[in-house]
Protein backbone atom coordinates (compact mmCIF):
# COMPACT_ATOMS: atom_id res chain seq x y z
CA MET A 1 -7.78 -19.70 -16.96
CA THR A 2 -4.79 -20.28 -15.08
CA PHE A 3 -5.24 -21.84 -11.33
CA LYS A 4 -3.38 -20.80 -8.83
CA THR A 5 -1.99 -22.69 -5.72
CA LEU A 6 -3.88 -19.75 -2.92
CA TYR A 7 -5.78 -19.64 -0.09
CA PHE A 8 -9.41 -18.31 -0.01
CA LEU A 9 -8.62 -14.61 0.50
CA THR A 10 -10.59 -11.55 -0.28
CA ALA A 11 -10.31 -12.07 -3.80
CA THR A 12 -9.94 -16.50 -3.84
CA PHE A 13 -11.97 -18.93 -4.16
CA ILE A 14 -10.62 -22.32 -2.24
CA MET A 15 -12.62 -25.54 -2.86
CA GLY A 16 -13.83 -26.42 0.30
CA PHE A 17 -15.66 -25.61 3.21
CA GLY A 18 -13.36 -24.92 5.34
CA THR A 19 -12.27 -21.38 5.78
CA GLY A 20 8.72 -9.35 14.17
CA ALA A 21 11.07 -7.19 14.31
CA TYR A 22 11.26 -3.59 13.40
CA LEU A 23 13.49 -2.72 10.36
CA HIS A 24 12.83 0.82 10.70
CA ASN A 25 12.27 3.38 13.01
CA PHE A 26 8.60 4.66 12.25
CA THR A 27 6.81 7.32 14.50
CA GLY A 28 4.12 8.32 12.38
CA ASN A 29 4.57 12.12 13.85
CA LYS A 30 2.14 14.30 12.25
CA HIS A 31 4.45 16.93 12.92
CA THR A 32 7.31 15.52 11.03
CA LYS A 33 9.05 18.18 7.96
CA LYS A 34 7.97 17.38 4.61
CA PRO A 35 10.48 16.24 2.52
CA VAL A 36 10.55 18.09 -1.07
CA ASN A 37 9.48 15.65 -3.36
CA THR A 38 12.18 13.70 -5.73
CA SER A 39 9.89 11.36 -7.33
CA ILE A 40 10.96 11.18 -11.36
CA ASN A 41 8.49 13.56 -13.12
CA ILE A 42 5.98 11.38 -14.91
CA LYS A 43 3.78 11.79 -18.09
CA TYR A 44 0.34 10.05 -16.86
CA ILE A 45 -2.23 9.18 -19.58
CA ASN A 46 -5.30 7.83 -18.10
CA THR A 47 -6.14 4.49 -19.19
CA SER A 48 -10.23 3.96 -18.58
CA ILE A 49 -10.36 0.64 -16.38
CA ARG A 50 -13.12 -2.14 -17.96
CA THR A 51 -14.45 -4.67 -15.76
CA GLN A 52 -14.48 -8.13 -17.27
CA THR A 53 -16.34 -11.25 -16.02
CA ASP A 54 -15.49 -14.53 -16.77
CA THR A 55 -17.49 -17.96 -16.30
CA VAL A 56 -15.45 -20.49 -14.71
CA LEU A 57 -17.05 -23.99 -14.57
CA ILE A 58 -16.39 -26.18 -11.62
CA THR A 59 -16.94 -29.47 -11.31
CA ASP A 60 -16.98 -32.34 -8.44
CA GLU A 61 -13.46 -33.70 -9.11
CA MET A 62 -12.21 -30.18 -8.77
CA LEU A 63 -13.91 -29.80 -5.27
CA ALA A 64 -12.96 -32.88 -4.27
CA ASN A 65 -9.23 -31.96 -5.09
CA ARG A 66 -9.78 -28.57 -3.73
CA THR A 67 -8.55 -26.83 -6.73
CA ILE A 68 -7.80 -22.93 -6.59
CA ILE A 69 -8.88 -20.18 -8.04
CA ALA A 70 -8.04 -16.39 -8.01
CA ALA A 71 -12.09 -15.04 -7.59
CA GLY A 72 -10.26 -11.67 -9.30
CA VAL A 73 -7.49 -9.98 -10.68
CA PHE A 74 -6.92 -6.51 -11.54
CA MET A 75 -4.89 -6.22 -14.17
CA PRO A 76 -2.88 -2.96 -14.10
CA HIS A 77 -0.80 -3.10 -17.91
CA ASP A 78 -4.31 -4.26 -19.22
CA GLY A 79 -6.91 -1.57 -17.73
CA ILE A 80 -8.50 -4.55 -16.45
CA ILE A 81 -10.55 -6.17 -13.31
CA LYS A 82 -11.36 -9.26 -13.73
CA ILE A 83 -13.58 -11.56 -11.73
CA ASN A 84 -14.49 -14.43 -11.87
CA TYR A 85 -18.11 -15.87 -11.74
CA LEU A 86 -18.69 -19.80 -10.57
CA LYS A 87 -21.08 -22.11 -12.55
CA PRO A 88 -21.67 -25.85 -11.33
CA ALA A 89 -20.56 -28.28 -13.78
CA SER A 90 -22.92 -30.60 -11.60
CA SER A 91 -26.38 -31.56 -10.41
CA THR A 92 -24.12 -32.31 -7.37
CA GLN A 93 -26.41 -29.79 -4.39
CA ARG A 94 -22.10 -29.53 -2.60
CA THR A 95 -20.82 -27.68 -5.99
CA ILE A 96 -23.87 -26.37 -6.45
CA SER A 97 -23.73 -24.47 -2.88
CA PHE A 98 -20.48 -23.92 -3.29
CA CYS A 99 -20.77 -21.74 -6.53
CA GLU A 100 -24.11 -20.19 -5.41
CA THR A 101 -22.25 -19.28 -1.75
CA ASN A 102 -19.35 -17.75 -3.33
CA ASN A 103 -20.97 -15.71 -6.19
CA LEU A 104 -22.14 -14.06 -3.47
CA GLN A 105 -19.17 -12.85 -2.27
CA ILE A 106 -18.51 -10.72 -5.69
CA PRO A 107 -19.42 -7.27 -4.62
CA LEU A 108 -16.91 -7.47 -1.97
CA VAL A 109 -14.18 -9.32 -4.62
CA ARG A 110 -14.85 -6.74 -6.95
CA ARG A 111 -14.21 -3.56 -4.04
CA HIS A 112 -11.05 -5.48 -3.97
CA GLU A 113 -10.01 -5.46 -7.11
CA ILE A 114 -11.05 -1.49 -7.65
CA GLU A 115 -9.16 -0.67 -4.47
CA HIS A 116 -6.25 -2.29 -6.13
CA ALA A 117 -6.62 -0.19 -9.26
CA ARG A 118 -7.40 3.76 -7.29
CA LYS A 119 -4.21 2.62 -5.62
CA ALA A 120 -2.41 1.49 -8.58
CA ILE A 121 -0.21 5.52 -8.67
CA LEU A 122 1.13 5.00 -5.40
CA THR A 123 1.59 1.24 -5.43
CA LYS A 124 3.35 0.41 -9.43
CA ASN A 125 5.62 3.23 -9.50
CA ILE A 126 8.14 2.14 -6.18
CA TRP A 127 11.08 1.22 -8.36
CA HIS A 128 12.73 4.43 -7.61
CA TYR A 129 12.64 3.57 -3.37
CA SER A 130 14.68 1.82 -0.97
CA PRO A 131 14.11 -2.52 -0.99
CA ILE A 132 12.54 -2.04 2.62
CA ILE A 133 10.11 0.94 1.36
CA ARG A 134 9.13 -0.95 -1.62
CA GLY A 135 8.44 -3.87 0.36
CA ARG A 136 6.36 -1.71 2.91
CA ILE A 137 4.34 -0.36 0.09
CA ALA A 138 3.37 -3.86 -0.99
CA SER A 139 2.73 -5.38 1.92
CA GLN A 140 0.30 -2.59 2.58
CA ASN A 141 -1.07 -2.50 -0.63
CA GLU A 142 -2.66 -5.92 0.31
CA ILE A 143 -4.11 -4.53 3.36
CA ILE A 144 -5.85 -1.49 2.21
CA ALA A 145 -7.97 -3.92 -0.24
CA PRO A 146 -9.92 -5.87 2.42
CA ALA A 147 -10.03 -2.78 4.33
CA ALA A 148 -12.28 -1.51 1.47
CA GLU A 149 -14.49 -4.38 2.24
CA ILE A 150 -15.20 -4.32 5.45
CA ILE A 151 -16.26 -0.62 4.31
CA GLU A 152 -18.29 -1.81 1.17
CA ALA A 153 -19.80 -4.92 3.84
CA LEU A 154 -21.13 -2.04 6.34
CA ASP A 155 -21.76 0.18 3.75
CA TYR A 156 -24.43 -2.89 2.29
CA ARG A 157 -25.55 -3.41 5.70
CA TYR A 158 -27.36 0.23 6.05
CA GLN A 159 -28.73 -0.24 2.35
CA THR A 160 -30.13 -3.76 3.45
CA GLY A 161 -30.74 -3.74 6.85
CA HIS A 162 -28.70 -6.85 7.33
CA ALA A 163 -24.92 -7.64 7.83
CA PHE A 164 -23.16 -8.88 4.29
CA PRO A 165 -23.65 -12.69 3.98
CA THR A 166 -20.23 -14.31 3.62
CA ARG A 167 -18.20 -16.48 6.09
CA LYS A 168 -14.96 -14.45 5.85
CA PRO A 169 -14.07 -14.13 9.40
CA PHE A 170 -12.44 -10.58 9.02
CA ILE A 171 -15.09 -9.17 7.48
CA LYS A 172 -17.86 -10.61 10.35
CA LYS A 173 -15.20 -9.26 13.45
CA ALA A 174 -15.62 -6.06 12.36
CA ASP A 175 -19.38 -5.98 11.45
CA ARG A 176 -20.18 -7.00 14.81
CA LEU A 177 -17.45 -4.50 16.48
CA ILE A 178 -18.24 -1.66 14.39
CA THR A 179 -22.09 -2.64 14.74
CA ASN A 180 -22.39 -2.37 18.70
CA ILE A 181 -20.35 0.52 18.49
CA ALA A 182 -22.59 1.99 16.06
CA LEU A 183 -25.80 0.96 18.62
CA ARG A 184 -23.53 2.10 22.17
CA ASP A 185 -23.03 5.58 20.82
CA LYS A 186 -25.94 6.02 18.87
CA LEU A 187 -24.07 6.60 15.45
CA LYS A 188 -25.78 7.72 12.40
CA TRP A 189 -26.43 5.20 9.27
CA PRO A 190 -24.95 5.66 7.07
CA LEU A 191 -21.45 5.43 8.99
CA ASP A 192 -18.69 7.95 8.97
CA PHE A 193 -15.75 5.91 8.98
CA ASN A 194 -13.61 8.85 9.55
CA ASN A 195 -14.44 8.15 13.54
CA PRO A 196 -11.25 7.31 15.33
CA LYS A 197 -12.90 4.22 17.24
CA LEU A 198 -14.31 2.91 13.71
CA ALA A 199 -10.85 3.71 11.78
CA ASP A 200 -9.18 1.62 15.00
CA ILE A 201 -11.68 -1.55 13.48
CA ILE A 202 -11.32 -1.37 10.02
CA MET A 203 -7.55 -1.39 10.34
CA GLN A 204 -7.42 -3.99 13.34
CA CYS A 205 -9.21 -6.14 11.38
CA ALA A 206 -7.68 -5.34 7.54
CA THR A 207 -4.12 -6.12 9.48
CA GLU A 208 -4.95 -9.54 11.05
CA ARG A 209 -6.05 -10.66 7.65
CA PHE A 210 -2.92 -9.52 6.38
CA LEU A 211 -0.71 -11.34 8.85
CA ALA A 212 -3.45 -14.86 8.60
CA GLU A 213 -3.06 -15.15 5.19
CA THR A 214 0.94 -14.68 5.31
CA ASN A 215 0.94 -17.06 7.84
CA ARG A 216 -0.52 -19.77 4.83
CA GLY A 217 2.53 -18.32 2.58
CA LEU A 218 0.48 -15.75 0.84
CA TYR A 219 1.84 -12.32 -0.36
CA LYS A 220 5.06 -13.16 0.54
CA THR A 221 6.57 -13.75 -3.44
CA THR A 222 4.50 -10.13 -4.27
CA ILE A 223 6.57 -8.58 -1.56
CA LYS A 224 9.86 -9.85 -1.89
CA GLU A 225 9.60 -9.91 -5.74
CA ALA A 226 8.58 -6.09 -5.12
CA MET A 227 11.96 -5.51 -2.99
CA LEU A 228 14.21 -7.13 -5.63
CA HIS A 229 12.58 -4.41 -8.15
CA THR A 230 15.36 -1.98 -9.04
CA ILE A 231 14.28 -1.88 -12.93
CA PRO A 232 12.49 1.32 -13.76
CA ASN A 233 8.89 0.50 -14.51
CA ARG A 234 6.75 3.59 -15.17
CA TYR A 235 3.26 2.84 -14.51
CA ILE A 236 0.84 4.86 -17.35
CA THR A 237 -2.01 5.74 -14.59
CA ASN A 238 -5.68 5.10 -14.76
CA ASP A 239 -8.41 6.55 -14.78
CA MET A 240 -9.67 5.46 -11.40
CA CYS A 241 -6.29 6.82 -9.56
CA LYS A 242 -5.99 10.64 -8.35
CA ILE A 243 -2.86 12.27 -9.40
CA GLN A 244 -2.67 14.80 -6.60
CA GLN A 245 -2.35 11.84 -3.88
CA THR A 246 1.52 11.34 -5.16
CA LEU A 247 1.59 14.98 -3.79
CA CYS A 248 0.88 13.45 -0.10
CA PHE A 249 2.53 10.00 -0.54
CA TYR A 250 5.65 10.08 1.83
CA PRO A 251 5.82 5.54 2.58
CA GLU A 252 9.82 6.89 3.79
CA PHE A 253 8.73 8.84 6.54
CA ASN A 254 5.51 6.84 7.29
CA LEU A 255 3.30 9.31 6.04
CA TRP A 256 0.73 6.62 4.00
CA GLY A 257 -2.53 8.61 3.94
CA PRO A 258 -2.95 8.39 0.35
CA LEU A 259 -3.16 4.71 0.13
CA TRP A 260 -5.71 4.80 3.44
CA GLN A 261 -8.04 7.28 1.13
CA PHE A 262 -11.32 5.48 0.60
CA GLU A 263 -15.25 6.31 -0.81
CA SER A 264 -18.36 5.58 1.40
CA LEU A 265 -22.07 6.29 1.00
CA ASN A 266 -21.13 8.88 4.09
CA GLY A 267 -17.80 10.46 2.06
CA ASP A 268 -14.85 10.17 1.37
CA VAL A 269 -12.49 8.62 4.19
CA ASN A 270 -9.57 8.57 5.20
CA ILE A 271 -8.27 5.37 7.81
CA TRP A 272 -5.13 7.08 8.45
CA ASP A 273 -5.62 10.30 9.39
CA ASN A 274 -8.04 8.96 11.27
CA ALA A 275 -6.59 5.62 13.11
CA SER A 276 -5.28 5.95 16.63
CA GLN A 277 -1.30 6.29 16.32
CA THR A 278 -1.33 2.63 18.84
CA GLN A 279 -3.40 0.93 15.54
CA LYS A 280 -1.08 2.81 13.46
CA GLU A 281 1.83 1.22 14.87
CA LYS A 282 0.46 -2.16 15.03
CA LEU A 283 0.04 -2.59 11.37
CA LEU A 284 3.98 -0.53 10.64
CA HIS A 285 4.81 -3.37 13.56
CA ALA A 286 2.98 -6.40 11.49
CA THR A 287 4.28 -5.28 7.90
CA ASP A 288 8.21 -5.12 9.10
CA SER A 289 7.79 -8.02 10.99
CA VAL A 290 6.73 -9.75 7.85
CA ILE A 291 9.85 -8.52 5.66
CA GLN A 292 12.07 -9.43 8.41
CA GLN A 293 10.54 -12.83 8.23
CA ILE A 294 11.40 -13.13 3.74
CA THR A 295 14.41 -11.51 4.24
CA GLY A 296 15.72 -13.22 7.19
CA LYS A 297 19.52 -13.16 7.41
CA ASN A 298 19.83 -11.18 4.17
CA ALA A 299 17.89 -8.14 5.39
CA TYR A 300 20.96 -6.08 5.65
CA LEU A 301 21.54 -6.60 2.44
CA PHE A 302 18.27 -5.10 0.96
CA ALA A 303 18.60 -2.24 3.92
CA SER A 304 21.59 -1.23 1.99
CA VAL A 305 21.00 -1.32 -1.86
CA LYS A 306 20.35 2.22 -3.09
CA THR A 307 17.99 2.51 -5.70
CA ARG A 308 18.07 6.59 -6.13
């Protein structure tokens, strides 16, 4: 088991109980002429995704030292979603409670990683895009996963009549705002997240989560590596991906719809297509601001490199 220095994100456990500038003009205009698909043809072979659960023993010392481990991870080239189940190696109530609390998050962790798997066909074969576009794809990939968690949590509320038991602020905020609107507007359950008001809240809270984590230093290495990656690395897609989504995915023209396609108890959901233009621009500004922080004075180098 490899331990990583991470913070408490959707797919991360932390040992403890605490919890810019535009680089490109984006309009999000729905009437933008659709470009010709110039992607390199790839022979897709479905790889079955399997879930693997590992048991991790948690000691009092690990808790005291705030050792941090990933709660879940998607390994695209192995076709594995790995979920870590925490087991107390101690009779101390604090350690026992910590493990119990974090194990309750497993449904959200699983949904988080499943969403990465579902979108791998869009987020892994990105070497042919410009560096800035690769950075934007990597950034949004870290936003759509928590967005899926919000949908999972609200579907849980419908199934159980209770809010999902979590300490994650972005889940609690989204649950509160969405439930209030559902009561006020007398919406039917399970909720239709294609409702623009609900779509805005999901995108808003997921974006806020992304910014909070990047402010702690998370994701920045991942985004930078995506921007520096110029060697062709054709990803063999998996059985959770939908190949047809690649036909409508043009991030260089801000056509992000396929990345924001989700499943819910009410049916298919597309947050991007139904969110307001104002909320989408806030998301795009947030990701570009993070990219600007990462590239700094060298932004022009990333913008000028041609990879196709």
